[in-house]
Amino acid sequence: MAEERAYGDNVFADELPELGDGVRGLRMERSDDCPLVCAVWELDPGAAIGPYHLHHGTDELLIVLSGRPSVRTPEGERELAPGSVVQFPRGLTGAHQVVNRTDEVVRYVMAAFHRSPEVIEYPEEGVTIVGARTTGADGERLFKRFPAE
């Protein structure tokens, strides 16, 4: 069964759906015809948006709307300011994790160009995910999770 997600059309929506662990998010309206998408995220103090990871089929662009998130990349970790823009290209150079190490809520937009199929590596978790917009042998969109080895 497909995961249910809320969709919106304004990155300044007053309230975002709670996703757990101090993370709220809203995917912006999207079309199956266009691989360019975005979502708005809020992180409470101490929250992170998933583990450190890298994409092999998706380029991402982060735009900070408010707060001061920290972004971890292969070059290390740095704090961003409101208005900061950071690219995460496909492959190892684009590996990243976004964390809120401050005492205020952080809000940012993550825009992405999703190619299909997609492979996502979580090097510290030892997991690789493979997915595609196309239908797999089971009649559902392809989504498989594997141990890295």
C-alpha atoms as a PDB file:
ATOM      1  CA  MET A   1       0.000   0.000   0.000  1.00  0.00           C
ATOM      2  CA  ALA A   2       1.295   3.464  -0.867  1.00  0.00           C
ATOM      3  CA  GLU A   3       2.330   5.724   2.012  1.00  0.00           C
ATOM      4  CA  GLU A   4      -0.236   8.481   2.681  1.00  0.00           C
ATOM      5  CA  ARG A   5       1.253  12.001   2.673  1.00  0.00           C
ATOM      6  CA  ALA A   6      -0.266  15.442   2.956  1.00  0.00           C
ATOM      7  CA  TYR A   7       0.106  17.811   0.004  1.00  0.00           C
ATOM      8  CA  GLY A   8      -0.036  21.601  -0.064  1.00  0.00           C
ATOM      9  CA  ASP A   9       0.725  24.579  -2.250  1.00  0.00           C
ATOM     10  CA  ASN A  10       2.348  27.092   0.137  1.00  0.00           C
ATOM     11  CA  VAL A  11       5.708  26.710   1.926  1.00  0.00           C
ATOM     12  CA  PHE A  12       4.558  29.206   4.579  1.00  0.00           C
ATOM     13  CA  ALA A  13       1.565  27.082   5.661  1.00  0.00           C
ATOM     14  CA  ASP A  14       0.885  27.842   9.333  1.00  0.00           C
ATOM     15  CA  GLU A  15       0.803  24.233  10.467  1.00  0.00           C
ATOM     16  CA  LEU A  16       2.598  21.248   8.994  1.00  0.00           C
ATOM     17  CA  PRO A  17       1.567  17.631   9.606  1.00  0.00           C
ATOM     18  CA  GLU A  18       3.436  15.943  12.473  1.00  0.00           C
ATOM     19  CA  LEU A  19       5.643  13.090  11.246  1.00  0.00           C
ATOM     20  CA  GLY A  20       7.200  12.139  14.588  1.00  0.00           C
ATOM     21  CA  ASP A  21      10.452  12.750  16.471  1.00  0.00           C
ATOM     22  CA  GLY A  22      10.102  16.543  16.243  1.00  0.00           C
ATOM     23  CA  VAL A  23       9.742  16.558  12.439  1.00  0.00           C
ATOM     24  CA  ARG A  24       6.858  18.094  10.502  1.00  0.00           C
ATOM     25  CA  GLY A  25       6.550  18.129   6.730  1.00  0.00           C
ATOM     26  CA  LEU A  26       4.348  18.862   3.777  1.00  0.00           C
ATOM     27  CA  ARG A  27       4.991  17.806   0.209  1.00  0.00           C
ATOM     28  CA  MET A  28       4.118  20.529  -2.245  1.00  0.00           C
ATOM     29  CA  GLU A  29       1.612  19.733  -4.992  1.00  0.00           C
ATOM     30  CA  ARG A  30       3.179  17.510  -7.630  1.00  0.00           C
ATOM     31  CA  SER A  31       2.411  15.800 -10.878  1.00  0.00           C
ATOM     32  CA  ASP A  32       3.369  12.353 -12.143  1.00  0.00           C
ATOM     33  CA  ASP A  33       4.361  14.164 -15.359  1.00  0.00           C
ATOM     34  CA  CYS A  34       7.141  16.237 -13.740  1.00  0.00           C
ATOM     35  CA  PRO A  35      10.187  14.925 -11.833  1.00  0.00           C
ATOM     36  CA  LEU A  36      10.780  18.352 -10.200  1.00  0.00           C
ATOM     37  CA  VAL A  37       9.242  18.375  -6.694  1.00  0.00           C
ATOM     38  CA  CYS A  38       9.661  20.013  -3.313  1.00  0.00           C
ATOM     39  CA  ALA A  39       8.599  19.721   0.303  1.00  0.00           C
ATOM     40  CA  VAL A  40       8.686  22.045   3.285  1.00  0.00           C
ATOM     41  CA  TRP A  41      10.132  20.684   6.532  1.00  0.00           C
ATOM     42  CA  GLU A  42      10.187  21.863  10.132  1.00  0.00           C
ATOM     43  CA  LEU A  43      12.580  20.515  12.721  1.00  0.00           C
ATOM     44  CA  ASP A  44      12.186  21.067  16.439  1.00  0.00           C
ATOM     45  CA  PRO A  45      15.348  21.626  18.486  1.00  0.00           C
ATOM     46  CA  GLY A  46      17.431  18.445  18.412  1.00  0.00           C
ATOM     47  CA  ALA A  47      15.498  16.864  15.522  1.00  0.00           C
ATOM     48  CA  ALA A  48      17.041  15.454  12.338  1.00  0.00           C
ATOM     49  CA  ILE A  49      15.462  14.620   9.000  1.00  0.00           C
ATOM     50  CA  GLY A  50      16.569  11.033   8.712  1.00  0.00           C
ATOM     51  CA  PRO A  51      20.059   9.568   8.715  1.00  0.00           C
ATOM     52  CA  TYR A  52      23.065  10.636   6.630  1.00  0.00           C
ATOM     53  CA  HIS A  53      22.426   9.470   3.052  1.00  0.00           C
ATOM     54  CA  LEU A  54      23.187   9.946  -0.634  1.00  0.00           C
ATOM     55  CA  HIS A  55      21.105   9.653  -3.786  1.00  0.00           C
ATOM     56  CA  HIS A  56      22.196   8.144  -7.104  1.00  0.00           C
ATOM     57  CA  GLY A  57      19.187   9.385  -9.097  1.00  0.00           C
ATOM     58  CA  THR A  58      18.087  12.597  -7.371  1.00  0.00           C
ATOM     59  CA  ASP A  59      19.617  16.071  -7.237  1.00  0.00           C
ATOM     60  CA  GLU A  60      18.412  18.160  -4.261  1.00  0.00           C
ATOM     61  CA  LEU A  61      18.461  21.843  -3.330  1.00  0.00           C
ATOM     62  CA  LEU A  62      17.885  23.079   0.244  1.00  0.00           C
ATOM     63  CA  ILE A  63      16.589  26.623   0.909  1.00  0.00           C
ATOM     64  CA  VAL A  64      16.460  27.781   4.549  1.00  0.00           C
ATOM     65  CA  LEU A  65      13.275  29.756   5.292  1.00  0.00           C
ATOM     66  CA  SER A  66      13.827  30.305   9.032  1.00  0.00           C
ATOM     67  CA  GLY A  67      16.092  29.146  11.817  1.00  0.00           C
ATOM     68  CA  ARG A  68      19.666  27.902  11.602  1.00  0.00           C
ATOM     69  CA  PRO A  69      19.869  24.217  10.594  1.00  0.00           C
ATOM     70  CA  SER A  70      23.138  22.345  10.484  1.00  0.00           C
ATOM     71  CA  VAL A  71      23.950  20.384   7.371  1.00  0.00           C
ATOM     72  CA  ARG A  72      26.373  17.476   7.418  1.00  0.00           C
ATOM     73  CA  THR A  73      28.187  16.663   4.157  1.00  0.00           C
ATOM     74  CA  PRO A  74      31.375  14.752   3.271  1.00  0.00           C
ATOM     75  CA  GLU A  75      33.274  18.006   4.058  1.00  0.00           C
ATOM     76  CA  GLY A  76      31.940  18.099   7.639  1.00  0.00           C
ATOM     77  CA  GLU A  77      29.128  19.960   9.379  1.00  0.00           C
ATOM     78  CA  ARG A  78      28.196  23.635   9.154  1.00  0.00           C
ATOM     79  CA  GLU A  79      25.396  25.832  10.396  1.00  0.00           C
ATOM     80  CA  LEU A  80      23.250  27.599   7.813  1.00  0.00           C
ATOM     81  CA  ALA A  81      21.487  30.959   8.098  1.00  0.00           C
ATOM     82  CA  PRO A  82      18.008  31.975   6.899  1.00  0.00           C
ATOM     83  CA  GLY A  83      18.172  32.398   3.130  1.00  0.00           C
ATOM     84  CA  SER A  84      21.053  29.910   2.715  1.00  0.00           C
ATOM     85  CA  VAL A  85      20.887  27.662  -0.340  1.00  0.00           C
ATOM     86  CA  VAL A  86      22.813  24.362  -0.583  1.00  0.00           C
ATOM     87  CA  GLN A  87      22.982  21.906  -3.485  1.00  0.00           C
ATOM     88  CA  PHE A  88      23.209  18.137  -2.994  1.00  0.00           C
ATOM     89  CA  PRO A  89      24.202  16.594  -6.344  1.00  0.00           C
ATOM     90  CA  ARG A  90      23.824  12.900  -7.119  1.00  0.00           C
ATOM     91  CA  GLY A  91      26.495  10.601  -5.731  1.00  0.00           C
ATOM     92  CA  LEU A  92      28.923  10.783  -2.824  1.00  0.00           C
ATOM     93  CA  THR A  93      29.583  14.530  -3.174  1.00  0.00           C
ATOM     94  CA  GLY A  94      25.907  15.147  -2.388  1.00  0.00           C
ATOM     95  CA  ALA A  95      25.705  12.978   0.741  1.00  0.00           C
ATOM     96  CA  HIS A  96      23.936  14.882   3.518  1.00  0.00           C
ATOM     97  CA  GLN A  97      21.891  15.066   6.688  1.00  0.00           C
ATOM     98  CA  VAL A  98      19.980  18.068   8.065  1.00  0.00           C
ATOM     99  CA  VAL A  99      19.871  18.533  11.864  1.00  0.00           C
ATOM    100  CA  ASN A 100      18.561  21.273  14.153  1.00  0.00           C
ATOM    101  CA  ARG A 101      21.195  21.903  16.839  1.00  0.00           C
ATOM    102  CA  THR A 102      19.656  25.211  17.964  1.00  0.00           C
ATOM    103  CA  ASP A 103      16.940  26.145  20.474  1.00  0.00           C
ATOM    104  CA  GLU A 104      14.480  27.395  17.814  1.00  0.00           C
ATOM    105  CA  VAL A 105      12.366  25.659  15.187  1.00  0.00           C
ATOM    106  CA  VAL A 106      13.945  25.386  11.732  1.00  0.00           C
ATOM    107  CA  ARG A 107      11.909  25.556   8.494  1.00  0.00           C
ATOM    108  CA  TYR A 108      13.320  24.828   5.053  1.00  0.00           C
ATOM    109  CA  VAL A 109      12.344  23.774   1.559  1.00  0.00           C
ATOM    110  CA  MET A 110      13.952  20.783  -0.102  1.00  0.00           C
ATOM    111  CA  ALA A 111      13.504  20.856  -3.875  1.00  0.00           C
ATOM    112  CA  ALA A 112      14.474  17.780  -5.866  1.00  0.00           C
ATOM    113  CA  PHE A 113      14.724  16.490  -9.409  1.00  0.00           C
ATOM    114  CA  HIS A 114      13.777  12.794  -9.082  1.00  0.00           C
ATOM    115  CA  ARG A 115      15.052  10.467 -11.750  1.00  0.00           C
ATOM    116  CA  SER A 116      13.748   6.928 -11.970  1.00  0.00           C
ATOM    117  CA  PRO A 117      14.982   4.452 -11.009  1.00  0.00           C
ATOM    118  CA  GLU A 118      16.536   5.785  -7.808  1.00  0.00           C
ATOM    119  CA  VAL A 119      19.094   4.247  -5.465  1.00  0.00           C
ATOM    120  CA  ILE A 120      19.604   5.725  -1.992  1.00  0.00           C
ATOM    121  CA  GLU A 121      22.487   4.685   0.243  1.00  0.00           C
ATOM    122  CA  TYR A 122      22.495   5.049   4.022  1.00  0.00           C
ATOM    123  CA  PRO A 123      26.186   4.293   4.676  1.00  0.00           C
ATOM    124  CA  GLU A 124      26.024   4.422   8.481  1.00  0.00           C
ATOM    125  CA  GLU A 125      22.850   2.340   8.594  1.00  0.00           C
ATOM    126  CA  GLY A 126      24.183  -0.306   6.188  1.00  0.00           C
ATOM    127  CA  VAL A 127      21.058   0.004   4.014  1.00  0.00           C
ATOM    128  CA  THR A 128      20.454   0.620   0.313  1.00  0.00           C
ATOM    129  CA  ILE A 129      17.010   1.413  -1.094  1.00  0.00           C
ATOM    130  CA  VAL A 130      16.003   0.939  -4.729  1.00  0.00           C
ATOM    131  CA  GLY A 131      12.843   2.525  -6.070  1.00  0.00           C
ATOM    132  CA  ALA A 132      11.183   3.509  -9.336  1.00  0.00           C
ATOM    133  CA  ARG A 133       8.046   5.227 -10.597  1.00  0.00           C
ATOM    134  CA  THR A 134       7.386   2.197 -12.768  1.00  0.00           C
ATOM    135  CA  THR A 135       5.414  -0.873 -11.724  1.00  0.00           C
ATOM    136  CA  GLY A 136       7.349  -3.892 -10.505  1.00  0.00           C
ATOM    137  CA  ALA A 137       6.526  -7.579 -10.821  1.00  0.00           C
ATOM    138  CA  ASP A 138       4.111  -7.366  -7.862  1.00  0.00           C
ATOM    139  CA  GLY A 139       1.976  -4.708  -9.604  1.00  0.00           C
ATOM    140  CA  GLU A 140       3.118  -1.934  -7.225  1.00  0.00           C
ATOM    141  CA  ARG A 141       5.691   0.819  -7.768  1.00  0.00           C
ATOM    142  CA  LEU A 142       9.146  -0.667  -7.259  1.00  0.00           C
ATOM    143  CA  PHE A 143      10.496  -0.186  -3.705  1.00  0.00           C
ATOM    144  CA  LYS A 144      13.061  -2.559  -2.204  1.00  0.00           C
ATOM    145  CA  ARG A 145      15.258  -2.226   0.885  1.00  0.00           C
ATOM    146  CA  PHE A 146      18.523  -4.181   1.091  1.00  0.00           C
ATOM    147  CA  PRO A 147      21.399  -4.598   3.508  1.00  0.00           C
ATOM    148  CA  ALA A 148      24.393  -2.805   1.989  1.00  0.00           C
ATOM    149  CA  GLU A 149      26.395  -6.009   1.543  1.00  0.00           C
END
